[in-house]
Protein backbone atom coordinates (compact mmCIF):
# COMPACT_ATOMS: atom_id res chain seq x y z
CA MET A 1 -62.91 -26.75 -8.76
CA ALA A 2 -60.40 -29.29 -7.49
CA SER A 3 -59.15 -29.90 -11.03
CA ILE A 4 -57.88 -26.38 -11.56
CA LYS A 5 -54.63 -24.89 -10.27
CA GLU A 6 -55.80 -22.44 -7.62
CA GLN A 7 -52.45 -21.61 -6.03
CA PHE A 8 -49.63 -19.91 -7.88
CA GLU A 9 -46.13 -21.20 -7.21
CA ILE A 10 -43.37 -18.75 -8.06
CA PRO A 11 -40.94 -20.29 -10.58
CA SER A 12 -37.28 -20.02 -9.57
CA LYS A 13 -36.47 -18.54 -12.99
CA LEU A 14 -38.93 -15.69 -12.36
CA LYS A 15 -37.28 -14.93 -9.02
CA THR A 16 -33.87 -14.99 -10.67
CA TRP A 17 -34.98 -12.48 -13.31
CA ALA A 18 -36.50 -10.25 -10.65
CA TYR A 19 -33.37 -10.26 -8.48
CA CYS A 20 -31.11 -9.70 -11.49
CA LEU A 21 -33.15 -6.67 -12.59
CA ILE A 22 -33.17 -5.28 -9.05
CA GLY A 23 -29.42 -5.87 -8.75
CA PHE A 24 -28.71 -4.16 -12.07
CA GLY A 25 -30.92 -1.27 -11.00
CA LEU A 26 -29.12 -0.88 -7.68
CA ILE A 27 -25.76 -0.81 -9.46
CA ALA A 28 -27.10 1.89 -11.80
CA LEU A 29 -28.43 3.88 -8.82
CA ILE A 30 -25.09 3.70 -7.02
CA ALA A 31 -23.20 4.66 -10.18
CA GLY A 32 -25.68 7.46 -10.80
CA PHE A 33 -25.24 8.79 -7.29
CA ILE A 34 -21.46 8.77 -7.66
CA THR A 35 -21.41 10.40 -11.11
CA LYS A 36 -24.38 12.76 -10.82
CA GLY A 37 -25.81 12.71 -7.31
CA ARG A 38 -22.72 14.39 -5.87
CA GLY A 39 -22.09 16.70 -8.82
CA THR A 40 -23.40 20.15 -9.68
CA GLU A 41 -26.91 21.22 -8.73
CA GLU A 42 -28.04 20.55 -12.29
CA GLU A 43 -26.57 17.01 -12.25
CA GLN A 44 -28.17 16.34 -8.87
CA ALA A 45 -31.52 17.47 -10.28
CA ILE A 46 -31.10 15.05 -13.20
CA PHE A 47 -30.32 12.18 -10.81
CA ILE A 48 -33.29 12.90 -8.53
CA GLY A 49 -35.56 13.64 -11.50
CA THR A 50 -34.76 10.26 -13.06
CA ILE A 51 -35.80 8.45 -9.89
CA MET A 52 -38.79 10.76 -9.53
CA TYR A 53 -40.46 10.15 -12.89
CA ASN A 54 -39.89 6.40 -12.63
CA THR A 55 -41.41 6.05 -9.18
CA ILE A 56 -44.37 8.32 -10.00
CA PHE A 57 -45.05 6.37 -13.19
CA TRP A 58 -44.96 2.95 -11.51
CA THR A 59 -47.00 4.10 -8.52
CA LEU A 60 -49.74 5.44 -10.76
CA ILE A 61 -49.94 2.44 -13.12
CA CYS A 62 -50.15 0.04 -10.16
CA ASN A 63 -52.83 2.25 -8.63
CA ALA A 64 -54.68 2.03 -11.96
CA SER A 65 -55.17 -1.69 -11.28
CA MET A 66 -57.22 -0.90 -8.18
CA PHE A 67 -59.12 1.71 -10.19
CA PHE A 68 -59.97 -1.02 -12.72
CA ILE A 69 -61.25 -3.30 -9.93
CA CYS A 70 -63.32 -0.52 -8.38
CA VAL A 71 -64.85 0.84 -11.58
CA THR A 72 -65.90 -2.65 -12.74
CA THR A 73 -67.25 -3.33 -9.23
CA LEU A 74 -69.40 -0.17 -9.39
CA ALA A 75 -70.67 -1.34 -12.78
CA TRP A 76 -71.55 -4.69 -11.14
CA GLY A 77 -69.47 -6.38 -13.78
CA GLY A 78 -68.92 -10.09 -13.46
CA TRP A 79 -66.66 -10.87 -16.43
CA GLN A 80 -63.46 -9.80 -14.63
CA GLN A 81 -63.78 -12.20 -11.67
CA ALA A 82 -61.75 -14.91 -13.41
CA ILE A 83 -58.80 -12.50 -13.68
CA ARG A 84 -59.51 -10.32 -10.61
CA ARG A 85 -56.58 -11.59 -8.58
CA VAL A 86 -54.12 -10.25 -11.17
CA PRO A 87 -55.00 -6.54 -10.75
CA GLU A 88 -55.36 -7.14 -7.02
CA ALA A 89 -51.78 -8.44 -6.89
CA ILE A 90 -50.48 -5.51 -8.94
CA SER A 91 -52.27 -3.04 -6.64
CA THR A 92 -50.34 -4.38 -3.64
CA LEU A 93 -47.37 -2.44 -4.99
CA VAL A 94 -49.04 0.93 -4.35
CA PRO A 95 -47.73 1.17 -0.76
CA VAL A 96 -44.28 -0.05 -1.91
CA PHE A 97 -43.84 2.32 -4.84
CA GLY A 98 -45.88 4.99 -3.05
CA SER A 99 -43.42 4.95 -0.15
CA ILE A 100 -40.49 5.42 -2.54
CA THR A 101 -42.37 8.25 -4.27
CA PHE A 102 -43.11 9.88 -0.91
CA VAL A 103 -39.46 9.74 0.19
CA VAL A 104 -38.20 11.16 -3.11
CA LEU A 105 -40.75 13.98 -3.19
CA MET A 106 -40.18 14.86 0.46
CA TYR A 107 -36.45 15.03 -0.17
CA VAL A 108 -37.03 17.40 -3.09
CA VAL A 109 -39.35 19.82 -1.29
CA LEU A 110 -37.68 19.73 2.15
CA SER A 111 -34.23 20.27 0.65
CA GLY A 112 -35.60 23.21 -1.34
CA ASN A 113 -34.45 21.85 -4.70
CA HIS A 114 -35.60 24.72 -6.92
CA HIS A 115 -33.86 23.17 -9.95
CA ILE A 116 -36.80 20.75 -9.96
CA TYR A 117 -39.55 22.87 -8.41
CA GLU A 118 -38.83 26.54 -9.07
CA TRP A 119 -41.64 27.56 -6.71
CA LEU A 120 -39.41 26.43 -3.82
CA ASP A 121 -37.16 29.45 -4.49
CA THR A 122 -38.73 32.10 -2.23
CA LYS A 123 -36.68 34.93 -3.75
CA LYS A 124 -37.81 34.05 -7.25
CA VAL A 125 -41.43 33.70 -6.15
CA GLY A 126 -41.30 37.12 -4.48
CA GLY A 127 -40.31 38.77 -7.77
CA ASP A 128 -42.60 36.77 -10.04
CA GLU A 129 -46.27 37.73 -10.17
CA ILE A 130 -47.36 34.43 -11.74
CA LEU A 131 -45.61 32.30 -9.11
CA LYS A 132 -46.79 34.62 -6.36
CA GLY A 133 -50.37 34.13 -7.50
CA LYS A 134 -50.02 30.34 -7.16
CA THR A 135 -48.57 30.28 -3.64
CA GLY A 136 -51.90 29.22 -2.13
CA PHE A 137 -51.51 25.94 -4.01
CA LEU A 138 -47.76 25.70 -4.62
CA ASN A 139 -46.31 25.74 -1.13
CA VAL A 140 -44.39 23.15 0.89
CA LYS A 141 -47.08 22.61 3.54
CA PHE A 142 -49.86 21.96 1.02
CA PHE A 143 -47.58 19.71 -1.06
CA ILE A 144 -46.63 17.55 1.93
CA ILE A 145 -50.16 17.26 3.31
CA TRP A 146 -51.76 16.40 -0.03
CA THR A 147 -49.02 13.94 -1.03
CA THR A 148 -49.33 12.18 2.34
CA LEU A 149 -53.12 11.97 2.09
CA ALA A 150 -53.07 10.83 -1.55
CA ILE A 151 -50.65 7.93 -1.07
CA GLY A 152 -52.07 7.08 2.37
CA PHE A 153 -55.67 6.75 1.23
CA TRP A 154 -54.73 4.89 -1.96
CA THR A 155 -52.99 2.38 0.30
CA ILE A 156 -55.78 2.11 2.89
CA LEU A 157 -58.74 2.01 0.50
CA GLY A 158 -56.95 -0.48 -1.79
CA TRP A 159 -56.12 -2.70 1.19
CA ARG A 160 -59.77 -2.63 2.29
CA MET A 161 -60.90 -3.79 -1.17
CA ARG A 162 -58.39 -6.65 -1.21
CA THR A 163 -59.30 -7.70 2.35
CA LEU A 164 -62.97 -7.85 1.45
CA SER A 165 -62.15 -9.84 -1.69
CA SER A 166 -60.58 -12.55 0.49
CA GLU A 167 -64.06 -13.37 1.87
CA ALA A 168 -64.80 -14.95 -1.51
CA ASP A 169 -62.23 -17.65 -0.67
CA GLN A 170 -63.68 -18.69 2.68
CA ALA A 171 -67.15 -20.21 2.29
CA PRO A 172 -70.10 -20.41 -0.12
CA MET A 173 -72.53 -17.48 -0.01
CA ASP A 174 -76.31 -17.66 -0.01
CA ASN A 175 -78.53 -14.88 -1.39
CA THR A 176 -78.32 -12.81 1.79
CA THR A 177 -74.57 -13.05 2.36
CA GLY A 178 -73.91 -12.67 -1.36
CA ALA A 179 -76.01 -9.48 -1.56
CA SER A 180 -74.24 -8.09 1.52
CA PHE A 181 -70.86 -8.95 0.01
CA ILE A 182 -71.65 -7.19 -3.27
CA TRP A 183 -73.06 -4.14 -1.48
CA ARG A 184 -69.97 -3.77 0.74
CA ASN A 185 -67.78 -4.10 -2.35
CA THR A 186 -69.81 -1.37 -4.05
CA VAL A 187 -69.52 1.02 -1.11
CA ARG A 188 -65.76 0.53 -0.71
CA ALA A 189 -65.20 0.82 -4.46
CA SER A 190 -67.16 4.08 -4.57
CA LEU A 191 -64.97 5.55 -1.81
CA PHE A 192 -61.84 4.64 -3.74
CA ILE A 193 -63.23 6.12 -6.98
CA VAL A 194 -64.07 9.42 -5.28
CA TRP A 195 -60.58 9.69 -3.80
CA PHE A 196 -59.04 8.60 -7.10
CA ALA A 197 -60.90 11.41 -8.87
CA LEU A 198 -59.75 13.99 -6.32
CA THR A 199 -56.12 12.91 -6.64
CA VAL A 200 -55.19 11.21 -9.92
CA GLY A 201 -57.98 13.02 -11.76
CA SER A 202 -56.97 16.46 -10.50
CA THR A 203 -54.43 17.51 -7.87
CA VAL A 204 -51.63 14.92 -7.86
CA PRO A 205 -50.42 15.38 -11.48
CA TRP A 206 -50.60 19.16 -11.00
CA LEU A 207 -48.50 19.03 -7.84
CA TRP A 208 -46.00 16.31 -8.70
CA ILE A 209 -45.40 16.94 -12.41
CA MET A 210 -47.03 20.08 -13.83
CA SER A 211 -45.59 22.31 -11.09
CA ILE A 212 -42.08 21.54 -12.39
CA ASP A 213 -43.10 24.10 -15.06
CA ALA A 214 -44.79 26.36 -12.53
CA HIS A 215 -45.56 29.11 -15.07
CA TRP A 216 -47.35 26.66 -17.36
CA TYR A 217 -50.79 25.16 -16.81
CA SER A 218 -53.24 22.92 -18.59
CA THR A 219 -56.74 21.95 -17.49
CA MET A 220 -56.35 18.67 -19.40
CA PHE A 221 -53.07 17.63 -17.81
CA SER A 222 -54.48 15.37 -15.08
CA TRP A 223 -56.83 13.56 -17.46
CA TYR A 224 -53.97 13.16 -19.89
CA ASN A 225 -51.85 11.52 -17.18
CA PHE A 226 -54.76 9.38 -16.02
CA ALA A 227 -55.24 8.01 -19.56
CA SER A 228 -51.50 7.35 -19.81
CA THR A 229 -51.29 5.41 -16.55
CA PHE A 230 -54.57 3.55 -17.03
CA VAL A 231 -53.67 2.18 -20.47
CA SER A 232 -50.26 1.21 -19.08
CA GLY A 233 -51.97 -0.44 -16.11
CA MET A 234 -54.23 -2.46 -18.39
CA SER A 235 -51.18 -3.48 -20.42
CA LEU A 236 -49.46 -4.68 -17.25
CA ILE A 237 -52.55 -6.72 -16.34
CA ALA A 238 -52.51 -8.25 -19.84
CA LEU A 239 -48.85 -9.27 -19.47
CA TRP A 240 -49.49 -11.09 -16.20
CA ILE A 241 -52.60 -12.82 -17.55
CA VAL A 242 -50.69 -14.11 -20.57
CA TYR A 243 -47.81 -15.21 -18.36
CA LEU A 244 -50.10 -17.10 -15.98
CA LYS A 245 -52.02 -18.69 -18.85
CA ASN A 246 -48.76 -19.89 -20.40
CA LYS A 247 -47.85 -21.46 -17.06
CA GLY A 248 -51.16 -23.33 -16.89
CA TYR A 249 -52.96 -21.05 -14.44
CA LEU A 250 -56.20 -19.04 -14.75
CA GLU A 251 -58.08 -21.88 -16.44
CA TYR A 252 -61.35 -19.95 -16.22
CA ALA A 253 -59.84 -17.02 -18.11
CA ASN A 254 -59.91 -17.36 -21.88
CA GLN A 255 -59.65 -15.35 -25.09
CA GLU A 256 -62.89 -13.55 -24.22
CA HIS A 257 -61.35 -12.00 -21.11
CA LEU A 258 -58.12 -11.19 -22.91
CA HIS A 259 -60.15 -9.62 -25.71
CA ASP A 260 -61.81 -7.28 -23.21
CA ILE A 261 -58.47 -6.28 -21.73
CA GLY A 262 -57.26 -5.63 -25.28
CA LYS A 263 -60.29 -3.44 -25.90
CA PHE A 264 -59.36 -1.33 -22.88
CA MET A 265 -55.81 -1.03 -24.21
CA PHE A 266 -57.06 0.04 -27.63
CA ALA A 267 -59.79 2.39 -26.38
CA PHE A 268 -57.62 4.24 -23.89
CA SER A 269 -54.79 4.57 -26.38
CA ILE A 270 -57.27 6.48 -28.55
CA PHE A 271 -58.55 8.42 -25.52
CA TRP A 272 -54.98 9.36 -24.59
CA THR A 273 -54.41 10.59 -28.16
CA TYR A 274 -57.61 12.63 -28.06
CA LEU A 275 -56.37 14.39 -24.91
CA TRP A 276 -52.86 14.75 -26.36
CA PHE A 277 -54.23 16.40 -29.50
CA SER A 278 -56.77 18.56 -27.65
CA GLN A 279 -54.16 19.90 -25.24
CA TYR A 280 -51.59 20.54 -27.98
CA MET A 281 -54.02 21.95 -30.54
CA LEU A 282 -55.62 24.48 -28.18
CA ILE A 283 -52.25 25.73 -26.97
CA TRP A 284 -50.89 25.89 -30.53
CA TYR A 285 -54.01 27.73 -31.75
CA SER A 286 -54.05 30.35 -28.98
CA ASN A 287 -50.25 30.81 -29.21
CA GLN A 288 -49.94 32.43 -25.78
CA PRO A 289 -46.38 32.54 -24.41
CA GLU A 290 -47.32 31.24 -20.93
CA GLU A 291 -48.82 28.14 -22.58
CA THR A 292 -46.49 27.50 -25.53
CA ILE A 293 -43.43 27.58 -23.24
CA TYR A 294 -44.05 23.93 -22.33
CA PHE A 295 -44.10 22.70 -25.94
CA LYS A 296 -41.50 24.94 -27.57
CA HIS A 297 -38.34 23.02 -26.61
CA ARG A 298 -40.18 19.70 -26.91
CA VAL A 299 -41.42 20.28 -30.46
CA GLN A 300 -38.61 22.46 -31.82
CA GLY A 301 -35.72 21.71 -29.46
CA PRO A 302 -33.68 18.68 -28.36
CA TYR A 303 -36.73 16.63 -27.31
CA LYS A 304 -38.35 16.77 -30.74
CA GLY A 305 -37.48 13.15 -31.63
CA ILE A 306 -38.74 11.77 -28.31
CA PHE A 307 -41.87 13.93 -28.47
CA PHE A 308 -42.99 12.48 -31.81
CA LEU A 309 -41.71 8.96 -31.08
CA ASN A 310 -44.05 9.10 -28.10
CA LEU A 311 -46.98 9.79 -30.44
CA ILE A 312 -46.00 6.99 -32.85
CA ILE A 313 -45.67 4.36 -30.10
CA ASN A 314 -48.73 5.38 -28.09
CA PHE A 315 -51.13 6.14 -30.92
CA ILE A 316 -50.09 4.89 -34.36
CA CYS A 317 -49.01 1.41 -33.21
CA PRO A 318 -52.10 0.64 -31.07
CA LEU A 319 -54.34 2.03 -33.81
CA LEU A 320 -52.85 -0.13 -36.56
CA ILE A 321 -52.24 -3.30 -34.54
CA LEU A 322 -55.01 -3.49 -31.92
CA MET A 323 -57.90 -2.41 -34.13
CA LYS A 324 -58.54 -5.95 -35.41
CA ARG A 325 -60.49 -8.36 -33.22
CA SER A 326 -58.02 -11.16 -33.83
CA ALA A 327 -55.09 -9.06 -32.56
CA LYS A 328 -56.74 -8.73 -29.14
CA ARG A 329 -56.98 -12.53 -28.91
CA ASN A 330 -53.46 -13.30 -30.03
CA TYR A 331 -51.13 -13.83 -27.06
CA THR A 332 -47.99 -12.85 -28.97
CA LEU A 333 -49.41 -9.66 -30.47
CA LEU A 334 -51.05 -8.59 -27.22
CA THR A 335 -47.84 -9.21 -25.27
CA PHE A 336 -45.83 -7.20 -27.80
CA MET A 337 -48.31 -4.32 -27.68
CA ALA A 338 -48.51 -4.39 -23.88
CA VAL A 339 -44.72 -4.05 -23.58
CA LEU A 340 -44.66 -1.36 -26.28
CA ILE A 341 -47.45 0.66 -24.64
CA ILE A 342 -45.80 0.55 -21.19
CA PHE A 343 -42.49 1.60 -22.72
CA GLY A 344 -44.17 4.33 -24.75
CA HIS A 345 -45.86 5.89 -21.75
CA TRP A 346 -42.69 5.55 -19.70
CA ILE A 347 -41.05 7.63 -22.44
CA ASP A 348 -43.95 10.08 -22.14
CA TYR A 349 -43.31 10.47 -18.41
CA TYR A 350 -39.62 10.89 -19.14
CA GLN A 351 -40.23 13.83 -21.45
CA GLU A 352 -42.81 15.34 -19.10
CA VAL A 353 -40.40 15.46 -16.16
CA MET A 354 -36.90 15.53 -17.63
CA GLY A 355 -37.94 17.79 -20.50
CA SER A 356 -38.57 20.43 -17.85
CA ILE A 357 -35.61 19.69 -15.58
CA SER A 358 -33.03 19.47 -18.38
CA LYS A 359 -34.38 21.62 -21.21
CA GLU A 360 -31.14 22.07 -23.13
CA HIS A 361 -30.20 18.44 -23.73
CA VAL A 362 -31.75 14.96 -23.65
CA THR A 363 -30.48 12.91 -20.72
CA LEU A 364 -32.00 9.55 -21.66
CA GLY A 365 -29.33 6.90 -21.12
CA TRP A 366 -27.98 4.14 -18.90
CA LEU A 367 -29.23 5.71 -15.67
CA ASP A 368 -32.82 5.88 -16.90
CA PHE A 369 -32.83 2.26 -18.06
CA GLY A 370 -31.03 1.16 -14.90
CA VAL A 371 -33.65 2.79 -12.67
CA LEU A 372 -36.37 1.34 -14.89
CA SER A 373 -34.95 -2.17 -14.43
CA PHE A 374 -34.97 -1.65 -10.64
CA PHE A 375 -38.70 -0.85 -10.65
CA VAL A 376 -39.51 -3.64 -13.10
CA GLY A 377 -37.65 -6.11 -10.90
CA LEU A 378 -39.52 -4.95 -7.80
CA MET A 379 -42.80 -5.19 -9.68
CA ILE A 380 -42.15 -8.77 -10.80
CA LEU A 381 -41.06 -9.89 -7.33
CA PHE A 382 -43.90 -8.30 -5.34
CA VAL A 383 -46.65 -9.17 -7.82
CA ALA A 384 -45.49 -12.80 -7.90
CA ARG A 385 -45.51 -12.94 -4.10
CA ALA A 386 -48.98 -11.40 -3.95
CA LEU A 387 -50.30 -13.89 -6.51
CA ALA A 388 -48.88 -16.76 -4.46
CA SER A 389 -50.40 -15.47 -1.21
CA LYS A 390 -54.03 -16.31 -2.03
CA PRO A 391 -56.05 -18.45 -4.47
CA LEU A 392 -56.01 -17.24 -8.07
CA VAL A 393 -59.77 -17.72 -8.30
CA PRO A 394 -62.30 -16.15 -5.88
CA LYS A 395 -64.29 -19.38 -6.06
CA TYR A 396 -67.21 -18.27 -3.87
CA HIS A 397 -67.70 -14.88 -5.50
CA PRO A 398 -71.39 -14.48 -6.48
CA PHE A 399 -70.43 -13.33 -10.00
CA LEU A 400 -67.86 -16.02 -10.78
CA LYS A 401 -70.28 -18.06 -12.91
CA GLU A 402 -70.94 -14.97 -15.03
CA SER A 403 -67.20 -14.68 -15.61
CA ILE A 404 -66.82 -18.35 -16.57
CA ILE A 405 -69.54 -18.16 -19.23
CA HIS A 406 -68.45 -14.71 -20.41
CA HIS A 407 -68.62 -14.23 -24.17
CA THR A 408 -67.99 -11.15 -26.32
């Protein structure tokens, strides 16, 4: 154990990149506020919407890292212990990005910005039978309470899992203490999974994103967003594993572990496509106006190019490139695909949110990429700090040996 590099030291170049990205993002935010944030109501909605879809996307993909830890814990999996500290570090960003998401969403609902959420316009709701029928769910009080609980419990339950994980760094465990440790992990993981299902798997995507098109609804929407954020989360984990391996860390992690991460990336790209097709096909087949309204300007209007580019990046590319076993073990290919998948699903979130806020024209430009760089910079900085805060290997974890000898 003494021969391996247990403690991550943040390279100065990595910090420089992080600060540069954050700085560029802040400049873009300031410029965006000056040019759009103080403009017409439509321009203000575009400015807030750009921040909104970015912060929701990054909050959910970082939260997917804790979901990965918890679901593999419930399965009593051992293979992931050699790389466990990577998703743990990524999950520390949930309270950071979650706080930004909370502030942005509270600003939208408390300011009554009906250009983003039309159900905030009480006059319009009063004269619209569909919106009136959804007031039990789409109202400011319910939105605030559920958003607070969702982000709050993601933060608390994730913190409890990471705190318990630190016990694997303290002292060797015998059969009794090891069994107790695994059982407590299982209980805490199950609590997180239940809350994850009630939020990410149902209400949160409905409230935060689908209610922008308050007349439209889809029973598959939450699962669709879950698949999108989970495959992006696995891609982010893959990027950090490759980076750490290239820097000489994570000696116990090898191609077998990377192969399994690659399988998740491939499998959930296909699962995302299945949900994409099922949602689109059923709405296209039934051809009901209250359902087709969501797709009409995306398939036939200004967002047509982005809509189908989204499908090419998130389905065709993973299918063709990640299908082979060797591709999942190749650092260069996996890194390329991880970046492509994250970008592809970021584009998907763009068209989900901005395609409803600005239906007449595509707004994708410098502001979007500037805000993206801000969140990427924050992610790099905080994940690096979290990785440096504890050993990279939970050396006393009862399942660590299983991870070391893991073979697929």
